[in-house]
């Protein structure tokens, strides 16, 4: 397994209707590096955002989708990249994450 630094763990936040409804319960959703584990995700969130304390981390692995395309030589199939999503639950006395504040 490659050495993943904390700034490489969190790729981007997930902004959907379901993830936005979880913010009232201090649950935030992020796309994370596929090789990152829950401990690395917890450390990355706490280092990147000041005053944030993580209570729990849930992760979901997604396989890549199968894609087909036609070329001059015939039909070719392949897969998109696999992804991983993390739902981070903060403690009740923790500060909110600022990137979601204006949404």
PDB file of N, CA and C in Angstrom:
ATOM      1  N   UNK A   1       0.838  -1.175   0.000  1.00  0.00           N
ATOM      2  CA  UNK A   1       0.000   0.000   0.000  1.00  0.00           C
ATOM      3  C   UNK A   1       0.884   1.239   0.000  1.00  0.00           C
ATOM      4  N   UNK A   2       0.522   2.202  -0.810  1.00  0.00           N
ATOM      5  CA  UNK A   2       1.303   3.422  -0.926  1.00  0.00           C
ATOM      6  C   UNK A   2       1.151   4.277   0.320  1.00  0.00           C
ATOM      7  N   UNK A   3       2.176   5.092   0.586  1.00  0.00           N
ATOM      8  CA  UNK A   3       2.130   6.008   1.713  1.00  0.00           C
ATOM      9  C   UNK A   3       1.271   7.205   1.326  1.00  0.00           C
ATOM     10  N   UNK A   4       0.094   7.330   1.958  1.00  0.00           N
ATOM     11  CA  UNK A   4      -0.859   8.392   1.634  1.00  0.00           C
ATOM     12  C   UNK A   4      -0.740   9.474   2.701  1.00  0.00           C
ATOM     13  N   UNK A   5      -0.460  10.694   2.278  1.00  0.00           N
ATOM     14  CA  UNK A   5      -0.400  11.832   3.204  1.00  0.00           C
ATOM     15  C   UNK A   5      -1.817  12.311   3.504  1.00  0.00           C
ATOM     16  N   UNK A   6      -1.988  13.034   4.604  1.00  0.00           N
ATOM     17  CA  UNK A   6      -3.335  13.452   5.013  1.00  0.00           C
ATOM     18  C   UNK A   6      -3.987  14.379   4.004  1.00  0.00           C
ATOM     19  N   UNK A   7      -3.214  15.174   3.279  1.00  0.00           N
ATOM     20  CA  UNK A   7      -3.794  16.084   2.289  1.00  0.00           C
ATOM     21  C   UNK A   7      -4.171  15.372   0.994  1.00  0.00           C
ATOM     22  N   UNK A   8      -3.781  14.117   0.818  1.00  0.00           N
ATOM     23  CA  UNK A   8      -4.172  13.326  -0.349  1.00  0.00           C
ATOM     24  C   UNK A   8      -5.404  12.469  -0.073  1.00  0.00           C
ATOM     25  N   UNK A   9      -5.819  12.357   1.178  1.00  0.00           N
ATOM     26  CA  UNK A   9      -6.921  11.460   1.548  1.00  0.00           C
ATOM     27  C   UNK A   9      -8.257  12.011   1.081  1.00  0.00           C
ATOM     28  N   UNK A  10      -8.563  13.271   1.393  1.00  0.00           N
ATOM     29  CA  UNK A  10      -9.843  13.879   1.045  1.00  0.00           C
ATOM     30  C   UNK A  10      -9.744  14.449  -0.360  1.00  0.00           C
ATOM     31  N   UNK A  11     -10.564  13.949  -1.291  1.00  0.00           N
ATOM     32  CA  UNK A  11     -10.526  14.425  -2.669  1.00  0.00           C
ATOM     33  C   UNK A  11     -11.473  15.601  -2.885  1.00  0.00           C
ATOM     34  N   UNK A  12     -12.751  15.452  -2.504  1.00  0.00           N
ATOM     35  CA  UNK A  12     -13.701  16.556  -2.641  1.00  0.00           C
ATOM     36  C   UNK A  12     -14.955  16.238  -1.836  1.00  0.00           C
ATOM     37  N   UNK A  13     -15.705  17.277  -1.470  1.00  0.00           N
ATOM     38  CA  UNK A  13     -16.963  17.038  -0.756  1.00  0.00           C
ATOM     39  C   UNK A  13     -18.050  16.592  -1.724  1.00  0.00           C
ATOM     40  N   UNK A  14     -19.011  15.844  -1.214  1.00  0.00           N
ATOM     41  CA  UNK A  14     -20.156  15.395  -2.001  1.00  0.00           C
ATOM     42  C   UNK A  14     -21.324  16.315  -1.669  1.00  0.00           C
ATOM     43  N   UNK A  15     -21.862  16.978  -2.703  1.00  0.00           N
ATOM     44  CA  UNK A  15     -22.959  17.920  -2.507  1.00  0.00           C
ATOM     45  C   UNK A  15     -24.189  17.345  -3.200  1.00  0.00           C
ATOM     46  N   UNK A  16     -25.008  16.633  -2.446  1.00  0.00           N
ATOM     47  CA  UNK A  16     -26.265  16.095  -2.958  1.00  0.00           C
ATOM     48  C   UNK A  16     -27.368  16.433  -1.957  1.00  0.00           C
ATOM     49  N   UNK A  17     -28.590  16.196  -2.355  1.00  0.00           N
ATOM     50  CA  UNK A  17     -29.710  16.483  -1.458  1.00  0.00           C
ATOM     51  C   UNK A  17     -29.630  15.620  -0.196  1.00  0.00           C
ATOM     52  N   UNK A  18     -29.265  14.370  -0.351  1.00  0.00           N
ATOM     53  CA  UNK A  18     -29.177  13.474   0.799  1.00  0.00           C
ATOM     54  C   UNK A  18     -28.031  13.870   1.723  1.00  0.00           C
ATOM     55  N   UNK A  19     -26.880  14.228   1.158  1.00  0.00           N
ATOM     56  CA  UNK A  19     -25.760  14.619   2.010  1.00  0.00           C
ATOM     57  C   UNK A  19     -26.025  15.949   2.713  1.00  0.00           C
ATOM     58  N   UNK A  20     -26.761  16.844   2.065  1.00  0.00           N
ATOM     59  CA  UNK A  20     -27.082  18.125   2.690  1.00  0.00           C
ATOM     60  C   UNK A  20     -28.065  17.944   3.859  1.00  0.00           C
ATOM     61  N   UNK A  21     -28.960  16.984   3.768  1.00  0.00           N
ATOM     62  CA  UNK A  21     -29.907  16.757   4.858  1.00  0.00           C
ATOM     63  C   UNK A  21     -29.213  16.173   6.093  1.00  0.00           C
ATOM     64  N   UNK A  22     -28.089  15.506   5.901  1.00  0.00           N
ATOM     65  CA  UNK A  22     -27.344  14.944   7.028  1.00  0.00           C
ATOM     66  C   UNK A  22     -26.553  15.962   7.814  1.00  0.00           C
ATOM     67  N   UNK A  23     -26.398  17.174   7.275  1.00  0.00           N
ATOM     68  CA  UNK A  23     -25.601  18.189   7.962  1.00  0.00           C
ATOM     69  C   UNK A  23     -26.247  18.674   9.251  1.00  0.00           C
ATOM     70  N   UNK A  24     -27.558  18.544   9.378  1.00  0.00           N
ATOM     71  CA  UNK A  24     -28.222  18.902  10.628  1.00  0.00           C
ATOM     72  C   UNK A  24     -27.807  17.995  11.770  1.00  0.00           C
ATOM     73  N   UNK A  25     -27.419  16.778  11.454  1.00  0.00           N
ATOM     74  CA  UNK A  25     -26.947  15.817  12.446  1.00  0.00           C
ATOM     75  C   UNK A  25     -25.423  15.773  12.506  1.00  0.00           C
ATOM     76  N   UNK A  26     -24.762  16.789  11.905  1.00  0.00           N
ATOM     77  CA  UNK A  26     -23.302  16.894  11.834  1.00  0.00           C
ATOM     78  C   UNK A  26     -22.684  15.707  11.099  1.00  0.00           C
ATOM     79  N   UNK A  27     -23.302  15.298   9.987  1.00  0.00           N
ATOM     80  CA  UNK A  27     -22.749  14.256   9.117  1.00  0.00           C
ATOM     81  C   UNK A  27     -22.345  14.905   7.805  1.00  0.00           C
ATOM     82  N   UNK A  28     -21.089  14.721   7.413  1.00  0.00           N
ATOM     83  CA  UNK A  28     -20.554  15.315   6.194  1.00  0.00           C
ATOM     84  C   UNK A  28     -20.028  14.196   5.299  1.00  0.00           C
ATOM     85  N   UNK A  29     -20.229  14.349   3.990  1.00  0.00           N
ATOM     86  CA  UNK A  29     -19.868  13.311   3.029  1.00  0.00           C
ATOM     87  C   UNK A  29     -18.737  13.807   2.131  1.00  0.00           C
ATOM     88  N   UNK A  30     -17.727  12.962   1.943  1.00  0.00           N
ATOM     89  CA  UNK A  30     -16.570  13.293   1.119  1.00  0.00           C
ATOM     90  C   UNK A  30     -16.225  12.125   0.207  1.00  0.00           C
ATOM     91  N   UNK A  31     -15.681  12.434  -0.984  1.00  0.00           N
ATOM     92  CA  UNK A  31     -15.017  11.429  -1.793  1.00  0.00           C
ATOM     93  C   UNK A  31     -13.591  11.343  -1.283  1.00  0.00           C
ATOM     94  N   UNK A  32     -13.112  10.131  -1.039  1.00  0.00           N
ATOM     95  CA  UNK A  32     -11.785   9.944  -0.462  1.00  0.00           C
ATOM     96  C   UNK A  32     -10.956   9.020  -1.350  1.00  0.00           C
ATOM     97  N   UNK A  33      -9.672   8.960  -1.057  1.00  0.00           N
ATOM     98  CA  UNK A  33      -8.747   8.088  -1.798  1.00  0.00           C
ATOM     99  C   UNK A  33      -9.182   6.632  -1.607  1.00  0.00           C
ATOM    100  N   UNK A  34      -9.219   5.841  -2.678  1.00  0.00           N
ATOM    101  CA  UNK A  34      -9.712   4.452  -2.554  1.00  0.00           C
ATOM    102  C   UNK A  34      -8.905   3.571  -1.605  1.00  0.00           C
ATOM    103  N   UNK A  35      -7.635   3.901  -1.351  1.00  0.00           N
ATOM    104  CA  UNK A  35      -6.810   3.085  -0.463  1.00  0.00           C
ATOM    105  C   UNK A  35      -6.792   3.589   0.979  1.00  0.00           C
ATOM    106  N   UNK A  36      -7.484   4.692   1.260  1.00  0.00           N
ATOM    107  CA  UNK A  36      -7.480   5.261   2.611  1.00  0.00           C
ATOM    108  C   UNK A  36      -8.383   4.452   3.538  1.00  0.00           C
ATOM    109  N   UNK A  37      -7.929   4.282   4.779  1.00  0.00           N
ATOM    110  CA  UNK A  37      -8.762   3.578   5.756  1.00  0.00           C
ATOM    111  C   UNK A  37      -9.437   4.597   6.675  1.00  0.00           C
ATOM    112  N   UNK A  38     -10.262   4.123   7.607  1.00  0.00           N
ATOM    113  CA  UNK A  38     -11.054   5.009   8.458  1.00  0.00           C
ATOM    114  C   UNK A  38     -10.178   5.858   9.381  1.00  0.00           C
ATOM    115  N   UNK A  39      -9.083   5.305   9.859  1.00  0.00           N
ATOM    116  CA  UNK A  39      -8.188   6.046  10.743  1.00  0.00           C
ATOM    117  C   UNK A  39      -7.536   7.194   9.980  1.00  0.00           C
ATOM    118  N   UNK A  40      -7.104   6.939   8.751  1.00  0.00           N
ATOM    119  CA  UNK A  40      -6.492   7.993   7.940  1.00  0.00           C
ATOM    120  C   UNK A  40      -7.508   9.086   7.604  1.00  0.00           C
ATOM    121  N   UNK A  41      -8.748   8.705   7.336  1.00  0.00           N
ATOM    122  CA  UNK A  41      -9.793   9.682   7.022  1.00  0.00           C
ATOM    123  C   UNK A  41     -10.063  10.551   8.247  1.00  0.00           C
ATOM    124  N   UNK A  42     -10.148   9.954   9.423  1.00  0.00           N
ATOM    125  CA  UNK A  42     -10.372  10.699  10.668  1.00  0.00           C
ATOM    126  C   UNK A  42      -9.245  11.705  10.906  1.00  0.00           C
ATOM    127  N   UNK A  43      -7.993  11.269  10.765  1.00  0.00           N
ATOM    128  CA  UNK A  43      -6.853  12.155  10.981  1.00  0.00           C
ATOM    129  C   UNK A  43      -6.829  13.294   9.964  1.00  0.00           C
ATOM    130  N   UNK A  44      -7.162  12.997   8.715  1.00  0.00           N
ATOM    131  CA  UNK A  44      -7.146  14.021   7.670  1.00  0.00           C
ATOM    132  C   UNK A  44      -8.193  15.094   7.939  1.00  0.00           C
ATOM    133  N   UNK A  45      -9.396  14.705   8.341  1.00  0.00           N
ATOM    134  CA  UNK A  45     -10.458  15.671   8.629  1.00  0.00           C
ATOM    135  C   UNK A  45     -10.057  16.555   9.811  1.00  0.00           C
ATOM    136  N   UNK A  46      -9.518  15.957  10.865  1.00  0.00           N
ATOM    137  CA  UNK A  46      -9.157  16.725  12.046  1.00  0.00           C
ATOM    138  C   UNK A  46      -7.975  17.662  11.793  1.00  0.00           C
ATOM    139  N   UNK A  47      -7.055  17.292  10.887  1.00  0.00           N
ATOM    140  CA  UNK A  47      -5.923  18.164  10.573  1.00  0.00           C
ATOM    141  C   UNK A  47      -6.321  19.274   9.602  1.00  0.00           C
ATOM    142  N   UNK A  48      -7.216  18.989   8.667  1.00  0.00           N
ATOM    143  CA  UNK A  48      -7.570  19.974   7.640  1.00  0.00           C
ATOM    144  C   UNK A  48      -8.513  21.054   8.163  1.00  0.00           C
ATOM    145  N   UNK A  49      -9.369  20.719   9.106  1.00  0.00           N
ATOM    146  CA  UNK A  49     -10.362  21.665   9.617  1.00  0.00           C
ATOM    147  C   UNK A  49     -10.134  21.864  11.108  1.00  0.00           C
ATOM    148  N   UNK A  50      -9.844  23.108  11.508  1.00  0.00           N
ATOM    149  CA  UNK A  50      -9.535  23.418  12.904  1.00  0.00           C
ATOM    150  C   UNK A  50     -10.785  23.313  13.777  1.00  0.00           C
ATOM    151  N   UNK A  51     -10.630  22.750  14.966  1.00  0.00           N
ATOM    152  CA  UNK A  51     -11.717  22.664  15.928  1.00  0.00           C
ATOM    153  C   UNK A  51     -12.721  21.561  15.650  1.00  0.00           C
ATOM    154  N   UNK A  52     -12.417  20.674  14.704  1.00  0.00           N
ATOM    155  CA  UNK A  52     -13.340  19.597  14.336  1.00  0.00           C
ATOM    156  C   UNK A  52     -12.891  18.312  15.023  1.00  0.00           C
ATOM    157  N   UNK A  53     -13.834  17.629  15.676  1.00  0.00           N
ATOM    158  CA  UNK A  53     -13.569  16.340  16.311  1.00  0.00           C
ATOM    159  C   UNK A  53     -14.475  15.302  15.688  1.00  0.00           C
ATOM    160  N   UNK A  54     -13.891  14.216  15.194  1.00  0.00           N
ATOM    161  CA  UNK A  54     -14.647  13.171  14.498  1.00  0.00           C
ATOM    162  C   UNK A  54     -15.090  12.120  15.502  1.00  0.00           C
ATOM    163  N   UNK A  55     -16.368  11.800  15.451  1.00  0.00           N
ATOM    164  CA  UNK A  55     -16.929  10.761  16.321  1.00  0.00           C
ATOM    165  C   UNK A  55     -16.877   9.406  15.629  1.00  0.00           C
ATOM    166  N   UNK A  56     -17.281   9.371  14.342  1.00  0.00           N
ATOM    167  CA  UNK A  56     -17.401   8.094  13.639  1.00  0.00           C
ATOM    168  C   UNK A  56     -17.184   8.323  12.145  1.00  0.00           C
ATOM    169  N   UNK A  57     -16.649   7.306  11.463  1.00  0.00           N
ATOM    170  CA  UNK A  57     -16.450   7.350  10.013  1.00  0.00           C
ATOM    171  C   UNK A  57     -17.045   6.089   9.402  1.00  0.00           C
ATOM    172  N   UNK A  58     -17.943   6.266   8.436  1.00  0.00           N
ATOM    173  CA  UNK A  58     -18.476   5.149   7.656  1.00  0.00           C
ATOM    174  C   UNK A  58     -17.964   5.285   6.228  1.00  0.00           C
ATOM    175  N   UNK A  59     -17.558   4.167   5.615  1.00  0.00           N
ATOM    176  CA  UNK A  59     -17.033   4.215   4.251  1.00  0.00           C
ATOM    177  C   UNK A  59     -17.835   3.303   3.337  1.00  0.00           C
ATOM    178  N   UNK A  60     -17.892   3.696   2.056  1.00  0.00           N
ATOM    179  CA  UNK A  60     -18.589   2.925   1.027  1.00  0.00           C
ATOM    180  C   UNK A  60     -17.669   2.821  -0.176  1.00  0.00           C
ATOM    181  N   UNK A  61     -17.421   1.602  -0.652  1.00  0.00           N
ATOM    182  CA  UNK A  61     -16.607   1.390  -1.848  1.00  0.00           C
ATOM    183  C   UNK A  61     -17.510   1.211  -3.055  1.00  0.00           C
ATOM    184  N   UNK A  62     -17.178   1.896  -4.144  1.00  0.00           N
ATOM    185  CA  UNK A  62     -17.900   1.766  -5.401  1.00  0.00           C
ATOM    186  C   UNK A  62     -16.956   1.238  -6.470  1.00  0.00           C
ATOM    187  N   UNK A  63     -17.354   0.164  -7.158  1.00  0.00           N
ATOM    188  CA  UNK A  63     -16.588  -0.315  -8.299  1.00  0.00           C
ATOM    189  C   UNK A  63     -16.808   0.603  -9.483  1.00  0.00           C
ATOM    190  N   UNK A  64     -15.879   0.563 -10.432  1.00  0.00           N
ATOM    191  CA  UNK A  64     -16.028   1.378 -11.626  1.00  0.00           C
ATOM    192  C   UNK A  64     -17.145   0.851 -12.509  1.00  0.00           C
ATOM    193  N   UNK A  65     -17.801   1.754 -13.233  1.00  0.00           N
ATOM    194  CA  UNK A  65     -18.872   1.366 -14.137  1.00  0.00           C
ATOM    195  C   UNK A  65     -18.279   0.789 -15.422  1.00  0.00           C
ATOM    196  N   UNK A  66     -18.969  -0.172 -16.003  1.00  0.00           N
ATOM    197  CA  UNK A  66     -18.556  -0.720 -17.285  1.00  0.00           C
ATOM    198  C   UNK A  66     -19.041   0.198 -18.398  1.00  0.00           C
ATOM    199  N   UNK A  67     -18.125   0.570 -19.276  1.00  0.00           N
ATOM    200  CA  UNK A  67     -18.445   1.458 -20.393  1.00  0.00           C
ATOM    201  C   UNK A  67     -18.111   0.746 -21.705  1.00  0.00           C
ATOM    202  N   UNK A  68     -18.932   1.003 -22.715  1.00  0.00           N
ATOM    203  CA  UNK A  68     -18.681   0.443 -24.043  1.00  0.00           C
ATOM    204  C   UNK A  68     -18.606   1.573 -25.048  1.00  0.00           C
ATOM    205  N   UNK A  69     -17.739   1.389 -26.064  1.00  0.00           N
ATOM    206  CA  UNK A  69     -17.669   2.368 -27.142  1.00  0.00           C
ATOM    207  C   UNK A  69     -17.290   1.661 -28.433  1.00  0.00           C
ATOM    208  N   UNK A  70     -17.749   2.236 -29.520  1.00  0.00           N
ATOM    209  CA  UNK A  70     -17.461   1.672 -30.833  1.00  0.00           C
ATOM    210  C   UNK A  70     -16.253   2.373 -31.430  1.00  0.00           C
ATOM    211  N   UNK A  71     -15.341   1.582 -31.970  1.00  0.00           N
ATOM    212  CA  UNK A  71     -14.179   2.127 -32.651  1.00  0.00           C
ATOM    213  C   UNK A  71     -14.144   1.549 -34.057  1.00  0.00           C
ATOM    214  N   UNK A  72     -13.160   1.949 -34.824  1.00  0.00           N
ATOM    215  CA  UNK A  72     -13.034   1.448 -36.195  1.00  0.00           C
ATOM    216  C   UNK A  72     -12.777  -0.057 -36.204  1.00  0.00           C
ATOM    217  N   UNK A  73     -12.130  -0.561 -35.160  1.00  0.00           N
ATOM    218  CA  UNK A  73     -11.822  -1.989 -35.081  1.00  0.00           C
ATOM    219  C   UNK A  73     -12.920  -2.818 -34.461  1.00  0.00           C
ATOM    220  N   UNK A  74     -13.982  -2.214 -34.000  1.00  0.00           N
ATOM    221  CA  UNK A  74     -15.067  -2.949 -33.350  1.00  0.00           C
ATOM    222  C   UNK A  74     -15.410  -2.328 -32.017  1.00  0.00           C
ATOM    223  N   UNK A  75     -16.158  -3.076 -31.222  1.00  0.00           N
ATOM    224  CA  UNK A  75     -16.605  -2.558 -29.936  1.00  0.00           C
ATOM    225  C   UNK A  75     -15.573  -2.853 -28.848  1.00  0.00           C
ATOM    226  N   UNK A  76     -15.315  -1.868 -28.004  1.00  0.00           N
ATOM    227  CA  UNK A  76     -14.333  -1.994 -26.941  1.00  0.00           C
ATOM    228  C   UNK A  76     -15.040  -1.758 -25.611  1.00  0.00           C
ATOM    229  N   UNK A  77     -14.738  -2.580 -24.612  1.00  0.00           N
ATOM    230  CA  UNK A  77     -15.313  -2.380 -23.284  1.00  0.00           C
ATOM    231  C   UNK A  77     -14.198  -2.043 -22.306  1.00  0.00           C
ATOM    232  N   UNK A  78     -14.550  -1.293 -21.280  1.00  0.00           N
ATOM    233  CA  UNK A  78     -13.597  -0.916 -20.247  1.00  0.00           C
ATOM    234  C   UNK A  78     -14.352  -0.523 -18.994  1.00  0.00           C
ATOM    235  N   UNK A  79     -13.613  -0.091 -17.996  1.00  0.00           N
ATOM    236  CA  UNK A  79     -14.232   0.313 -16.729  1.00  0.00           C
ATOM    237  C   UNK A  79     -13.707   1.680 -16.322  1.00  0.00           C
ATOM    238  N   UNK A  80     -14.578   2.459 -15.660  1.00  0.00           N
ATOM    239  CA  UNK A  80     -14.139   3.722 -15.083  1.00  0.00           C
ATOM    240  C   UNK A  80     -13.425   3.425 -13.764  1.00  0.00           C
ATOM    241  N   UNK A  81     -12.817   4.431 -13.186  1.00  0.00           N
ATOM    242  CA  UNK A  81     -12.056   4.254 -11.954  1.00  0.00           C
ATOM    243  C   UNK A  81     -12.993   3.957 -10.783  1.00  0.00           C
ATOM    244  N   UNK A  82     -12.518   3.126  -9.854  1.00  0.00           N
ATOM    245  CA  UNK A  82     -13.293   2.858  -8.648  1.00  0.00           C
ATOM    246  C   UNK A  82     -13.185   4.055  -7.715  1.00  0.00           C
ATOM    247  N   UNK A  83     -14.199   4.258  -6.873  1.00  0.00           N
ATOM    248  CA  UNK A  83     -14.224   5.387  -5.953  1.00  0.00           C
ATOM    249  C   UNK A  83     -14.575   4.911  -4.550  1.00  0.00           C
ATOM    250  N   UNK A  84     -14.361   5.794  -3.590  1.00  0.00           N
ATOM    251  CA  UNK A  84     -14.696   5.503  -2.203  1.00  0.00           C
ATOM    252  C   UNK A  84     -15.303   6.761  -1.605  1.00  0.00           C
ATOM    253  N   UNK A  85     -16.382   6.584  -0.847  1.00  0.00           N
ATOM    254  CA  UNK A  85     -17.083   7.691  -0.220  1.00  0.00           C
ATOM    255  C   UNK A  85     -17.042   7.491   1.285  1.00  0.00           C
ATOM    256  N   UNK A  86     -16.861   8.588   2.023  1.00  0.00           N
ATOM    257  CA  UNK A  86     -16.819   8.526   3.480  1.00  0.00           C
ATOM    258  C   UNK A  86     -17.858   9.472   4.053  1.00  0.00           C
ATOM    259  N   UNK A  87     -18.642   8.969   5.017  1.00  0.00           N
ATOM    260  CA  UNK A  87     -19.588   9.795   5.758  1.00  0.00           C
ATOM    261  C   UNK A  87     -18.993   9.982   7.152  1.00  0.00           C
ATOM    262  N   UNK A  88     -18.698  11.239   7.474  1.00  0.00           N
ATOM    263  CA  UNK A  88     -18.000  11.572   8.716  1.00  0.00           C
ATOM    264  C   UNK A  88     -19.003  12.172   9.698  1.00  0.00           C
ATOM    265  N   UNK A  89     -19.132  11.560  10.877  1.00  0.00           N
ATOM    266  CA  UNK A  89     -20.003  12.055  11.952  1.00  0.00           C
ATOM    267  C   UNK A  89     -19.130  12.808  12.945  1.00  0.00           C
ATOM    268  N   UNK A  90     -19.474  14.076  13.215  1.00  0.00           N
ATOM    269  CA  UNK A  90     -18.727  14.888  14.166  1.00  0.00           C
ATOM    270  C   UNK A  90     -19.349  14.787  15.553  1.00  0.00           C
ATOM    271  N   UNK A  91     -18.550  15.096  16.569  1.00  0.00           N
ATOM    272  CA  UNK A  91     -19.069  15.096  17.936  1.00  0.00           C
ATOM    273  C   UNK A  91     -19.981  16.303  18.137  1.00  0.00           C
ATOM    274  N   UNK A  92     -20.802  16.274  19.189  1.00  0.00           N
ATOM    275  CA  UNK A  92     -21.774  17.350  19.416  1.00  0.00           C
ATOM    276  C   UNK A  92     -21.103  18.669  19.793  1.00  0.00           C
ATOM    277  N   UNK A  93     -19.923  18.624  20.429  1.00  0.00           N
ATOM    278  CA  UNK A  93     -19.234  19.857  20.814  1.00  0.00           C
ATOM    279  C   UNK A  93     -18.239  20.333  19.762  1.00  0.00           C
ATOM    280  N   UNK A  94     -18.186  19.686  18.614  1.00  0.00           N
ATOM    281  CA  UNK A  94     -17.265  20.039  17.544  1.00  0.00           C
ATOM    282  C   UNK A  94     -17.776  21.232  16.748  1.00  0.00           C
ATOM    283  N   UNK A  95     -16.844  21.977  16.148  1.00  0.00           N
ATOM    284  CA  UNK A  95     -17.220  23.060  15.246  1.00  0.00           C
ATOM    285  C   UNK A  95     -17.710  22.465  13.927  1.00  0.00           C
ATOM    286  N   UNK A  96     -18.518  23.247  13.183  1.00  0.00           N
ATOM    287  CA  UNK A  96     -18.962  22.809  11.866  1.00  0.00           C
ATOM    288  C   UNK A  96     -17.819  22.987  10.853  1.00  0.00           C
ATOM    289  N   UNK A  97     -17.912  22.253   9.746  1.00  0.00           N
ATOM    290  CA  UNK A  97     -16.920  22.382   8.676  1.00  0.00           C
ATOM    291  C   UNK A  97     -17.300  23.582   7.825  1.00  0.00           C
ATOM    292  N   UNK A  98     -16.355  24.494   7.593  1.00  0.00           N
ATOM    293  CA  UNK A  98     -16.638  25.781   6.981  1.00  0.00           C
ATOM    294  C   UNK A  98     -17.024  25.697   5.504  1.00  0.00           C
ATOM    295  N   UNK A  99     -16.528  24.712   4.766  1.00  0.00           N
ATOM    296  CA  UNK A  99     -16.802  24.684   3.325  1.00  0.00           C
ATOM    297  C   UNK A  99     -18.272  24.454   3.032  1.00  0.00           C
ATOM    298  N   UNK A 100     -19.019  23.921   3.999  1.00  0.00           N
ATOM    299  CA  UNK A 100     -20.440  23.692   3.811  1.00  0.00           C
ATOM    300  C   UNK A 100     -21.293  24.830   4.384  1.00  0.00           C
ATOM    301  N   UNK A 101     -20.670  25.852   4.941  1.00  0.00           N
ATOM    302  CA  UNK A 101     -21.411  26.878   5.681  1.00  0.00           C
ATOM    303  C   UNK A 101     -22.331  27.702   4.790  1.00  0.00           C
ATOM    304  N   UNK A 102     -21.935  28.041   3.580  1.00  0.00           N
ATOM    305  CA  UNK A 102     -22.753  28.896   2.729  1.00  0.00           C
ATOM    306  C   UNK A 102     -23.771  28.157   1.885  1.00  0.00           C
ATOM    307  N   UNK A 103     -23.853  26.856   2.025  1.00  0.00           N
ATOM    308  CA  UNK A 103     -24.744  26.071   1.171  1.00  0.00           C
ATOM    309  C   UNK A 103     -26.091  25.868   1.807  1.00  0.00           C
TER     310      UNK A 103
END
